[in-house]
Amino acid sequence: MADTTDAVFKIFIQADIQRVWRELTKTGEAQGAVFNAWLHTRGGLVPGAAMQMQTGTGKHVLVVGEVVACEPPHRFVHTHRFTQHDDPVCQVSYELKPVGSGVEVTLRVIGLPEGTPTAKSMRSGGTMILNSLKAIVETGRPSFGTRLMYWMFDHMEFMLPARTRSEHWPLDK
């Protein structure tokens, strides 16, 4: 079994907790804070429900998991596995805490499999997710650099590995 660690990322967002919660848990539209992926679930955000993060076209599944906890508007936890890697599953936890006129958001990656592509991606991705979340909630859109990256993602989707195609990852499994 691979060694695991936890990674913790924090940020303060000047906004109402409900607005931050909605941005992290919305379905039916792109999650600008989470690489512009679309959250899909089987049965809603309830413990035990299967979930996926898909590309906007729905042709590829980037992440699969299961909802572990959903306690609006304070805590959302799910398992996490990138479909392009054979790495072990880890957990992602978002904790929202009102502080003054804003919200402290803590993103924890629990059981991060050390020395894997998942660990490398999650360590760099955690900061970007929270910075994008802050920008979207406070200004209405992610930074120019992030928007440019998302444009590239949309136009380069054809380069994703075949193993990430949606037909390989049915949501009802």
N, C-alpha and C. Protein backbone atom coordinates (compact mmCIF):
# COMPACT_ATOMS: atom_id res chain seq x y z
N MET A 1 0.84 -1.18 0.00
CA MET A 1 0.00 0.00 0.00
C MET A 1 0.89 1.25 0.00
N ALA A 2 0.51 2.23 -0.77
CA ALA A 2 1.27 3.47 -0.88
C ALA A 2 1.15 4.30 0.39
N ASP A 3 2.21 5.05 0.70
CA ASP A 3 2.15 6.00 1.81
C ASP A 3 1.19 7.11 1.43
N THR A 4 0.47 7.59 2.43
CA THR A 4 -0.46 8.69 2.18
C THR A 4 -0.20 9.83 3.16
N THR A 5 -0.59 11.00 2.73
CA THR A 5 -0.54 12.19 3.59
C THR A 5 -1.82 12.98 3.33
N ASP A 6 -1.96 14.04 4.08
CA ASP A 6 -3.06 14.96 3.85
C ASP A 6 -2.48 16.28 3.37
N ALA A 7 -3.22 16.97 2.55
CA ALA A 7 -2.83 18.31 2.09
C ALA A 7 -3.96 19.25 2.50
N VAL A 8 -3.59 20.42 3.03
CA VAL A 8 -4.58 21.37 3.52
C VAL A 8 -4.32 22.73 2.88
N PHE A 9 -5.40 23.32 2.35
CA PHE A 9 -5.35 24.62 1.71
C PHE A 9 -6.44 25.49 2.33
N LYS A 10 -6.13 26.78 2.58
CA LYS A 10 -7.12 27.68 3.18
C LYS A 10 -7.14 29.01 2.45
N ILE A 11 -8.33 29.63 2.50
CA ILE A 11 -8.46 30.97 1.91
C ILE A 11 -9.63 31.68 2.59
N PHE A 12 -9.57 32.99 2.63
CA PHE A 12 -10.68 33.80 3.14
C PHE A 12 -11.37 34.44 1.95
N ILE A 13 -12.69 34.33 1.91
CA ILE A 13 -13.48 34.90 0.82
C ILE A 13 -14.47 35.90 1.41
N GLN A 14 -14.44 37.09 0.87
CA GLN A 14 -15.34 38.17 1.30
C GLN A 14 -16.69 37.96 0.61
N ALA A 15 -17.54 37.15 1.22
CA ALA A 15 -18.85 36.84 0.62
C ALA A 15 -19.72 36.12 1.63
N ASP A 16 -20.97 36.00 1.28
CA ASP A 16 -21.94 35.25 2.04
C ASP A 16 -21.66 33.75 1.90
N ILE A 17 -21.81 32.99 2.97
CA ILE A 17 -21.52 31.56 2.97
C ILE A 17 -22.37 30.81 1.95
N GLN A 18 -23.62 31.21 1.75
CA GLN A 18 -24.50 30.53 0.79
C GLN A 18 -23.96 30.66 -0.64
N ARG A 19 -23.40 31.81 -0.95
CA ARG A 19 -22.84 32.03 -2.30
C ARG A 19 -21.63 31.12 -2.53
N VAL A 20 -20.79 31.01 -1.53
CA VAL A 20 -19.61 30.14 -1.63
C VAL A 20 -20.06 28.69 -1.75
N TRP A 21 -21.01 28.29 -0.92
CA TRP A 21 -21.53 26.91 -0.95
C TRP A 21 -22.08 26.56 -2.32
N ARG A 22 -22.89 27.46 -2.86
CA ARG A 22 -23.50 27.20 -4.16
C ARG A 22 -22.42 27.00 -5.22
N GLU A 23 -21.41 27.81 -5.19
CA GLU A 23 -20.36 27.70 -6.21
C GLU A 23 -19.64 26.36 -6.13
N LEU A 24 -19.48 25.81 -4.95
CA LEU A 24 -18.78 24.53 -4.77
C LEU A 24 -19.64 23.30 -5.06
N THR A 25 -20.95 23.46 -4.96
CA THR A 25 -21.82 22.28 -5.06
C THR A 25 -22.82 22.34 -6.21
N LYS A 26 -22.74 23.35 -7.05
CA LYS A 26 -23.74 23.49 -8.12
C LYS A 26 -23.60 22.38 -9.16
N THR A 27 -24.75 22.03 -9.71
CA THR A 27 -24.81 21.07 -10.80
C THR A 27 -25.54 21.77 -11.95
N GLY A 28 -25.42 21.23 -13.14
CA GLY A 28 -26.13 21.81 -14.28
C GLY A 28 -25.41 22.97 -14.93
N GLU A 29 -24.21 23.27 -14.47
CA GLU A 29 -23.39 24.31 -15.10
C GLU A 29 -21.94 24.09 -14.68
N ALA A 30 -21.06 24.72 -15.39
CA ALA A 30 -19.63 24.56 -15.11
C ALA A 30 -19.27 25.10 -13.73
N GLN A 31 -18.41 24.39 -13.06
CA GLN A 31 -17.86 24.85 -11.80
C GLN A 31 -16.54 25.55 -12.11
N GLY A 32 -16.62 26.85 -12.22
CA GLY A 32 -15.45 27.64 -12.59
C GLY A 32 -14.28 27.50 -11.63
N ALA A 33 -14.56 27.17 -10.39
CA ALA A 33 -13.48 27.01 -9.42
C ALA A 33 -12.79 25.66 -9.55
N VAL A 34 -13.48 24.70 -10.14
CA VAL A 34 -12.94 23.34 -10.22
C VAL A 34 -12.69 22.99 -11.69
N PHE A 35 -11.80 23.75 -12.28
CA PHE A 35 -11.32 23.52 -13.64
C PHE A 35 -12.42 23.52 -14.69
N ASN A 36 -13.50 24.22 -14.39
CA ASN A 36 -14.63 24.36 -15.31
C ASN A 36 -15.33 23.03 -15.59
N ALA A 37 -15.14 22.06 -14.70
CA ALA A 37 -15.79 20.77 -14.85
C ALA A 37 -17.24 20.86 -14.37
N TRP A 38 -18.04 19.93 -14.82
CA TRP A 38 -19.46 19.87 -14.45
C TRP A 38 -19.67 18.73 -13.46
N LEU A 39 -20.28 19.04 -12.31
CA LEU A 39 -20.57 18.05 -11.29
C LEU A 39 -21.87 17.33 -11.63
N HIS A 40 -21.79 16.02 -11.71
CA HIS A 40 -22.97 15.19 -11.95
C HIS A 40 -23.05 14.17 -10.81
N THR A 41 -24.28 13.92 -10.34
CA THR A 41 -24.46 12.93 -9.28
C THR A 41 -25.60 11.99 -9.64
N ARG A 42 -25.60 10.90 -8.98
CA ARG A 42 -26.71 9.95 -9.09
C ARG A 42 -27.43 10.01 -7.75
N GLY A 43 -28.56 10.68 -7.71
CA GLY A 43 -29.34 10.76 -6.49
C GLY A 43 -29.09 12.02 -5.66
N GLY A 44 -28.38 12.98 -6.21
CA GLY A 44 -28.14 14.23 -5.48
C GLY A 44 -26.92 14.16 -4.59
N LEU A 45 -26.70 15.23 -3.87
CA LEU A 45 -25.53 15.31 -2.98
C LEU A 45 -25.88 14.71 -1.62
N VAL A 46 -26.08 13.41 -1.62
CA VAL A 46 -26.38 12.68 -0.38
C VAL A 46 -25.33 11.60 -0.19
N PRO A 47 -24.99 11.30 1.06
CA PRO A 47 -23.98 10.27 1.31
C PRO A 47 -24.29 8.98 0.57
N GLY A 48 -23.27 8.45 -0.09
CA GLY A 48 -23.40 7.21 -0.85
C GLY A 48 -23.70 7.43 -2.32
N ALA A 49 -24.06 8.65 -2.71
CA ALA A 49 -24.39 8.92 -4.12
C ALA A 49 -23.12 8.95 -4.96
N ALA A 50 -23.19 8.30 -6.12
CA ALA A 50 -22.08 8.36 -7.07
C ALA A 50 -22.01 9.76 -7.64
N MET A 51 -20.78 10.21 -7.91
CA MET A 51 -20.60 11.54 -8.50
C MET A 51 -19.46 11.52 -9.50
N GLN A 52 -19.49 12.48 -10.40
CA GLN A 52 -18.44 12.64 -11.41
C GLN A 52 -18.22 14.12 -11.69
N MET A 53 -17.01 14.41 -12.14
CA MET A 53 -16.70 15.71 -12.71
C MET A 53 -16.43 15.45 -14.19
N GLN A 54 -17.26 16.03 -15.06
CA GLN A 54 -17.17 15.80 -16.49
C GLN A 54 -16.73 17.07 -17.22
N THR A 55 -16.26 16.88 -18.44
CA THR A 55 -16.00 18.02 -19.31
C THR A 55 -17.34 18.64 -19.69
N GLY A 56 -17.31 19.86 -20.18
CA GLY A 56 -18.54 20.55 -20.57
C GLY A 56 -19.33 19.82 -21.64
N THR A 57 -18.65 19.12 -22.53
CA THR A 57 -19.34 18.38 -23.58
C THR A 57 -19.96 17.09 -23.05
N GLY A 58 -19.49 16.64 -21.89
CA GLY A 58 -19.95 15.37 -21.35
C GLY A 58 -19.28 14.18 -21.98
N LYS A 59 -18.34 14.40 -22.88
CA LYS A 59 -17.68 13.30 -23.58
C LYS A 59 -16.61 12.62 -22.74
N HIS A 60 -16.14 13.31 -21.70
CA HIS A 60 -15.07 12.76 -20.87
C HIS A 60 -15.39 12.96 -19.39
N VAL A 61 -15.00 11.98 -18.59
CA VAL A 61 -15.12 12.04 -17.14
C VAL A 61 -13.72 12.24 -16.59
N LEU A 62 -13.55 13.29 -15.82
CA LEU A 62 -12.23 13.62 -15.27
C LEU A 62 -12.02 13.01 -13.89
N VAL A 63 -13.07 12.99 -13.08
CA VAL A 63 -13.00 12.50 -11.71
C VAL A 63 -14.24 11.67 -11.42
N VAL A 64 -14.04 10.57 -10.71
CA VAL A 64 -15.17 9.79 -10.19
C VAL A 64 -15.05 9.74 -8.68
N GLY A 65 -16.19 9.56 -8.02
CA GLY A 65 -16.18 9.47 -6.57
C GLY A 65 -17.55 9.18 -6.03
N GLU A 66 -17.65 9.32 -4.73
CA GLU A 66 -18.90 9.09 -4.03
C GLU A 66 -19.02 10.16 -2.95
N VAL A 67 -20.23 10.67 -2.78
CA VAL A 67 -20.47 11.66 -1.74
C VAL A 67 -20.33 10.97 -0.38
N VAL A 68 -19.52 11.53 0.48
CA VAL A 68 -19.31 11.00 1.83
C VAL A 68 -20.16 11.78 2.83
N ALA A 69 -20.17 13.11 2.70
CA ALA A 69 -20.96 13.96 3.60
C ALA A 69 -21.36 15.22 2.86
N CYS A 70 -22.56 15.71 3.16
CA CYS A 70 -23.02 16.97 2.60
C CYS A 70 -23.86 17.64 3.68
N GLU A 71 -23.28 18.68 4.29
CA GLU A 71 -23.92 19.39 5.38
C GLU A 71 -23.99 20.87 5.04
N PRO A 72 -24.99 21.25 4.21
CA PRO A 72 -25.09 22.65 3.75
C PRO A 72 -25.24 23.63 4.91
N PRO A 73 -24.65 24.77 4.83
CA PRO A 73 -23.64 25.21 3.87
C PRO A 73 -22.22 25.14 4.45
N HIS A 74 -21.93 24.10 5.23
CA HIS A 74 -20.66 24.08 5.95
C HIS A 74 -19.66 23.00 5.53
N ARG A 75 -20.13 21.88 5.01
CA ARG A 75 -19.18 20.78 4.75
C ARG A 75 -19.65 19.90 3.59
N PHE A 76 -18.73 19.65 2.68
CA PHE A 76 -18.98 18.76 1.55
C PHE A 76 -17.74 17.88 1.41
N VAL A 77 -17.93 16.56 1.47
CA VAL A 77 -16.83 15.61 1.39
C VAL A 77 -17.18 14.55 0.35
N HIS A 78 -16.19 14.21 -0.48
CA HIS A 78 -16.39 13.14 -1.46
C HIS A 78 -15.08 12.40 -1.69
N THR A 79 -15.21 11.16 -2.14
CA THR A 79 -14.01 10.44 -2.55
C THR A 79 -13.60 10.99 -3.91
N HIS A 80 -12.37 10.72 -4.28
CA HIS A 80 -11.82 11.35 -5.49
C HIS A 80 -10.84 10.40 -6.16
N ARG A 81 -11.05 10.19 -7.45
CA ARG A 81 -10.10 9.42 -8.26
C ARG A 81 -10.11 9.99 -9.67
N PHE A 82 -8.91 10.37 -10.14
CA PHE A 82 -8.79 10.82 -11.53
C PHE A 82 -8.95 9.61 -12.44
N THR A 83 -9.76 9.74 -13.48
CA THR A 83 -10.00 8.61 -14.39
C THR A 83 -8.79 8.30 -15.27
N GLN A 84 -7.90 9.24 -15.43
CA GLN A 84 -6.75 8.98 -16.31
C GLN A 84 -5.61 8.27 -15.60
N HIS A 85 -5.72 8.07 -14.27
CA HIS A 85 -4.67 7.40 -13.51
C HIS A 85 -5.23 6.18 -12.79
N ASP A 86 -4.37 5.25 -12.47
CA ASP A 86 -4.76 4.08 -11.69
C ASP A 86 -4.40 4.26 -10.22
N ASP A 87 -4.31 5.49 -9.78
CA ASP A 87 -3.92 5.79 -8.40
C ASP A 87 -5.02 5.43 -7.41
N PRO A 88 -4.65 5.20 -6.15
CA PRO A 88 -5.65 4.93 -5.12
C PRO A 88 -6.58 6.13 -4.92
N VAL A 89 -7.73 5.86 -4.38
CA VAL A 89 -8.74 6.88 -4.09
C VAL A 89 -8.29 7.69 -2.87
N CYS A 90 -8.61 8.98 -2.90
CA CYS A 90 -8.42 9.83 -1.73
C CYS A 90 -9.75 10.53 -1.45
N GLN A 91 -9.78 11.39 -0.44
CA GLN A 91 -10.99 12.13 -0.12
C GLN A 91 -10.72 13.62 -0.24
N VAL A 92 -11.73 14.34 -0.70
CA VAL A 92 -11.67 15.79 -0.79
C VAL A 92 -12.75 16.35 0.14
N SER A 93 -12.35 17.29 0.99
CA SER A 93 -13.27 17.89 1.94
C SER A 93 -13.22 19.40 1.83
N TYR A 94 -14.39 20.01 1.70
CA TYR A 94 -14.52 21.47 1.72
C TYR A 94 -15.25 21.82 3.02
N GLU A 95 -14.62 22.69 3.82
CA GLU A 95 -15.22 23.14 5.07
C GLU A 95 -15.35 24.65 5.00
N LEU A 96 -16.56 25.16 5.24
CA LEU A 96 -16.83 26.59 5.18
C LEU A 96 -17.20 27.09 6.58
N LYS A 97 -16.52 28.15 7.00
CA LYS A 97 -16.75 28.69 8.34
C LYS A 97 -16.92 30.20 8.24
N PRO A 98 -18.08 30.71 8.68
CA PRO A 98 -18.25 32.17 8.67
C PRO A 98 -17.22 32.83 9.59
N VAL A 99 -16.58 33.87 9.09
CA VAL A 99 -15.61 34.64 9.86
C VAL A 99 -15.83 36.10 9.53
N GLY A 100 -16.32 36.87 10.50
CA GLY A 100 -16.59 38.28 10.26
C GLY A 100 -17.57 38.45 9.11
N SER A 101 -17.16 39.21 8.11
CA SER A 101 -18.04 39.48 6.96
C SER A 101 -17.77 38.55 5.78
N GLY A 102 -17.11 37.44 6.05
CA GLY A 102 -16.79 36.52 4.97
C GLY A 102 -16.79 35.08 5.41
N VAL A 103 -16.06 34.27 4.65
CA VAL A 103 -16.04 32.83 4.88
C VAL A 103 -14.59 32.34 4.77
N GLU A 104 -14.19 31.54 5.75
CA GLU A 104 -12.91 30.83 5.65
C GLU A 104 -13.21 29.47 5.02
N VAL A 105 -12.54 29.19 3.93
CA VAL A 105 -12.73 27.91 3.24
C VAL A 105 -11.47 27.08 3.42
N THR A 106 -11.66 25.87 3.89
CA THR A 106 -10.56 24.92 4.04
C THR A 106 -10.80 23.76 3.10
N LEU A 107 -9.85 23.51 2.24
CA LEU A 107 -9.88 22.37 1.33
C LEU A 107 -8.86 21.36 1.85
N ARG A 108 -9.32 20.18 2.17
CA ARG A 108 -8.43 19.11 2.64
C ARG A 108 -8.46 17.96 1.64
N VAL A 109 -7.30 17.46 1.33
CA VAL A 109 -7.20 16.24 0.54
C VAL A 109 -6.67 15.20 1.52
N ILE A 110 -7.49 14.22 1.81
CA ILE A 110 -7.21 13.25 2.86
C ILE A 110 -6.80 11.92 2.23
N GLY A 111 -5.69 11.37 2.71
CA GLY A 111 -5.21 10.10 2.16
C GLY A 111 -4.61 10.24 0.78
N LEU A 112 -3.93 11.35 0.57
CA LEU A 112 -3.30 11.62 -0.73
C LEU A 112 -2.18 10.61 -0.96
N PRO A 113 -2.28 9.81 -2.04
CA PRO A 113 -1.28 8.77 -2.28
C PRO A 113 0.05 9.37 -2.75
N GLU A 114 1.02 9.39 -1.85
CA GLU A 114 2.32 10.01 -2.15
C GLU A 114 3.01 9.37 -3.36
N GLY A 115 3.73 10.20 -4.09
CA GLY A 115 4.51 9.73 -5.23
C GLY A 115 3.69 9.36 -6.45
N THR A 116 2.45 9.82 -6.50
CA THR A 116 1.57 9.47 -7.63
C THR A 116 1.24 10.73 -8.44
N PRO A 117 0.78 10.54 -9.68
CA PRO A 117 0.30 11.68 -10.45
C PRO A 117 -0.84 12.42 -9.73
N THR A 118 -1.67 11.68 -9.01
CA THR A 118 -2.76 12.32 -8.27
C THR A 118 -2.20 13.29 -7.23
N ALA A 119 -1.19 12.86 -6.49
CA ALA A 119 -0.60 13.73 -5.46
C ALA A 119 -0.04 15.00 -6.08
N LYS A 120 0.65 14.86 -7.19
CA LYS A 120 1.23 16.03 -7.86
C LYS A 120 0.13 16.99 -8.31
N SER A 121 -0.92 16.46 -8.93
CA SER A 121 -2.02 17.30 -9.42
C SER A 121 -2.78 17.97 -8.28
N MET A 122 -3.05 17.23 -7.23
CA MET A 122 -3.83 17.77 -6.12
C MET A 122 -3.05 18.84 -5.36
N ARG A 123 -1.75 18.66 -5.21
CA ARG A 123 -0.95 19.66 -4.49
C ARG A 123 -0.94 21.00 -5.22
N SER A 124 -0.84 20.97 -6.53
CA SER A 124 -0.87 22.23 -7.28
C SER A 124 -2.30 22.71 -7.51
N GLY A 125 -3.23 21.79 -7.61
CA GLY A 125 -4.61 22.15 -7.90
C GLY A 125 -5.36 22.76 -6.73
N GLY A 126 -5.00 22.40 -5.50
CA GLY A 126 -5.71 22.92 -4.33
C GLY A 126 -5.67 24.43 -4.24
N THR A 127 -4.49 24.99 -4.41
CA THR A 127 -4.34 26.45 -4.36
C THR A 127 -5.10 27.10 -5.50
N MET A 128 -5.01 26.53 -6.68
CA MET A 128 -5.70 27.11 -7.83
C MET A 128 -7.23 27.08 -7.64
N ILE A 129 -7.75 25.98 -7.12
CA ILE A 129 -9.18 25.86 -6.88
C ILE A 129 -9.65 26.96 -5.93
N LEU A 130 -8.95 27.13 -4.83
CA LEU A 130 -9.37 28.14 -3.86
C LEU A 130 -9.20 29.56 -4.39
N ASN A 131 -8.12 29.83 -5.10
CA ASN A 131 -7.95 31.16 -5.70
C ASN A 131 -9.04 31.45 -6.73
N SER A 132 -9.39 30.45 -7.52
CA SER A 132 -10.46 30.62 -8.51
C SER A 132 -11.80 30.80 -7.83
N LEU A 133 -12.05 30.04 -6.77
CA LEU A 133 -13.29 30.17 -6.01
C LEU A 133 -13.43 31.60 -5.48
N LYS A 134 -12.37 32.10 -4.90
CA LYS A 134 -12.36 33.47 -4.36
C LYS A 134 -12.66 34.49 -5.45
N ALA A 135 -11.97 34.37 -6.58
CA ALA A 135 -12.18 35.32 -7.68
C ALA A 135 -13.61 35.27 -8.20
N ILE A 136 -14.15 34.08 -8.38
CA ILE A 136 -15.50 33.93 -8.92
C ILE A 136 -16.54 34.50 -7.96
N VAL A 137 -16.42 34.16 -6.69
CA VAL A 137 -17.41 34.61 -5.72
C VAL A 137 -17.31 36.12 -5.49
N GLU A 138 -16.09 36.64 -5.46
CA GLU A 138 -15.92 38.07 -5.17
C GLU A 138 -16.08 38.97 -6.39
N THR A 139 -15.73 38.48 -7.58
CA THR A 139 -15.76 39.34 -8.77
C THR A 139 -16.69 38.84 -9.87
N GLY A 140 -17.15 37.61 -9.78
CA GLY A 140 -18.03 37.07 -10.81
C GLY A 140 -17.34 36.25 -11.88
N ARG A 141 -16.01 36.19 -11.85
CA ARG A 141 -15.31 35.36 -12.84
C ARG A 141 -13.89 35.06 -12.37
N PRO A 142 -13.32 33.97 -12.91
CA PRO A 142 -11.94 33.64 -12.56
C PRO A 142 -10.97 34.62 -13.22
N SER A 143 -9.72 34.54 -12.84
CA SER A 143 -8.70 35.43 -13.41
C SER A 143 -8.57 35.21 -14.91
N PHE A 144 -7.96 36.18 -15.58
CA PHE A 144 -7.75 36.07 -17.03
C PHE A 144 -6.94 34.82 -17.36
N GLY A 145 -5.89 34.56 -16.61
CA GLY A 145 -5.06 33.37 -16.86
C GLY A 145 -5.85 32.08 -16.75
N THR A 146 -6.72 32.02 -15.76
CA THR A 146 -7.56 30.83 -15.57
C THR A 146 -8.56 30.71 -16.71
N ARG A 147 -9.17 31.82 -17.12
CA ARG A 147 -10.11 31.78 -18.25
C ARG A 147 -9.41 31.31 -19.52
N LEU A 148 -8.19 31.76 -19.73
CA LEU A 148 -7.41 31.33 -20.90
C LEU A 148 -7.13 29.83 -20.83
N MET A 149 -6.77 29.34 -19.65
CA MET A 149 -6.52 27.91 -19.47
C MET A 149 -7.79 27.11 -19.76
N TYR A 150 -8.94 27.59 -19.30
CA TYR A 150 -10.20 26.89 -19.54
C TYR A 150 -10.54 26.88 -21.03
N TRP A 151 -10.25 27.96 -21.72
CA TRP A 151 -10.47 28.01 -23.17
C TRP A 151 -9.62 26.93 -23.84
N MET A 152 -8.38 26.80 -23.39
CA MET A 152 -7.50 25.77 -23.96
C MET A 152 -8.04 24.38 -23.65
N PHE A 153 -8.50 24.17 -22.42
CA PHE A 153 -9.09 22.87 -22.06
C PHE A 153 -10.21 22.52 -23.03
N ASP A 154 -11.10 23.47 -23.28
CA ASP A 154 -12.24 23.23 -24.17
C ASP A 154 -11.80 22.86 -25.57
N HIS A 155 -10.77 23.51 -26.06
CA HIS A 155 -10.32 23.29 -27.43
C HIS A 155 -9.33 22.14 -27.58
N MET A 156 -8.85 21.61 -26.47
CA MET A 156 -7.89 20.51 -26.52
C MET A 156 -8.49 19.22 -25.93
N GLU A 157 -9.78 19.22 -25.68
CA GLU A 157 -10.41 18.05 -25.08
C GLU A 157 -10.14 16.77 -25.87
N PHE A 158 -10.02 16.90 -27.17
CA PHE A 158 -9.78 15.72 -28.02
C PHE A 158 -8.47 15.02 -27.65
N MET A 159 -7.61 15.69 -26.91
CA MET A 159 -6.33 15.09 -26.53
C MET A 159 -6.38 14.30 -25.22
N LEU A 160 -7.52 14.31 -24.55
CA LEU A 160 -7.64 13.55 -23.31
C LEU A 160 -7.49 12.05 -23.62
N PRO A 161 -6.94 11.29 -22.69
CA PRO A 161 -6.78 9.85 -22.92
C PRO A 161 -8.12 9.17 -23.19
N ALA A 162 -8.10 8.17 -24.04
CA ALA A 162 -9.33 7.43 -24.38
C ALA A 162 -9.98 6.84 -23.13
N ARG A 163 -9.18 6.49 -22.15
CA ARG A 163 -9.74 5.86 -20.94
C ARG A 163 -10.65 6.81 -20.16
N THR A 164 -10.62 8.12 -20.46
CA THR A 164 -11.47 9.08 -19.76
C THR A 164 -12.84 9.26 -20.44
N ARG A 165 -13.04 8.62 -21.58
CA ARG A 165 -14.32 8.78 -22.28
C ARG A 165 -15.47 8.33 -21.39
N SER A 166 -16.55 9.06 -21.49
CA SER A 166 -17.72 8.81 -20.62
C SER A 166 -18.25 7.40 -20.68
N GLU A 167 -18.19 6.77 -21.84
CA GLU A 167 -18.74 5.42 -21.95
C GLU A 167 -17.99 4.42 -21.03
N HIS A 168 -16.78 4.76 -20.62
CA HIS A 168 -16.02 3.89 -19.72
C HIS A 168 -16.37 4.12 -18.25
N TRP A 169 -17.13 5.18 -17.97
CA TRP A 169 -17.39 5.59 -16.59
C TRP A 169 -18.88 5.89 -16.40
N PRO A 170 -19.75 4.89 -16.58
CA PRO A 170 -21.18 5.17 -16.40
C PRO A 170 -21.46 5.59 -14.95
N LEU A 171 -22.30 6.58 -14.80
CA LEU A 171 -22.58 7.15 -13.48
C LEU A 171 -23.37 6.19 -12.59
N ASP A 172 -24.08 5.26 -13.17
CA ASP A 172 -24.92 4.37 -12.37
C ASP A 172 -24.17 3.19 -11.78
N LYS A 173 -22.86 3.11 -12.00
CA LYS A 173 -22.09 1.99 -11.44
C LYS A 173 -21.96 2.10 -9.95
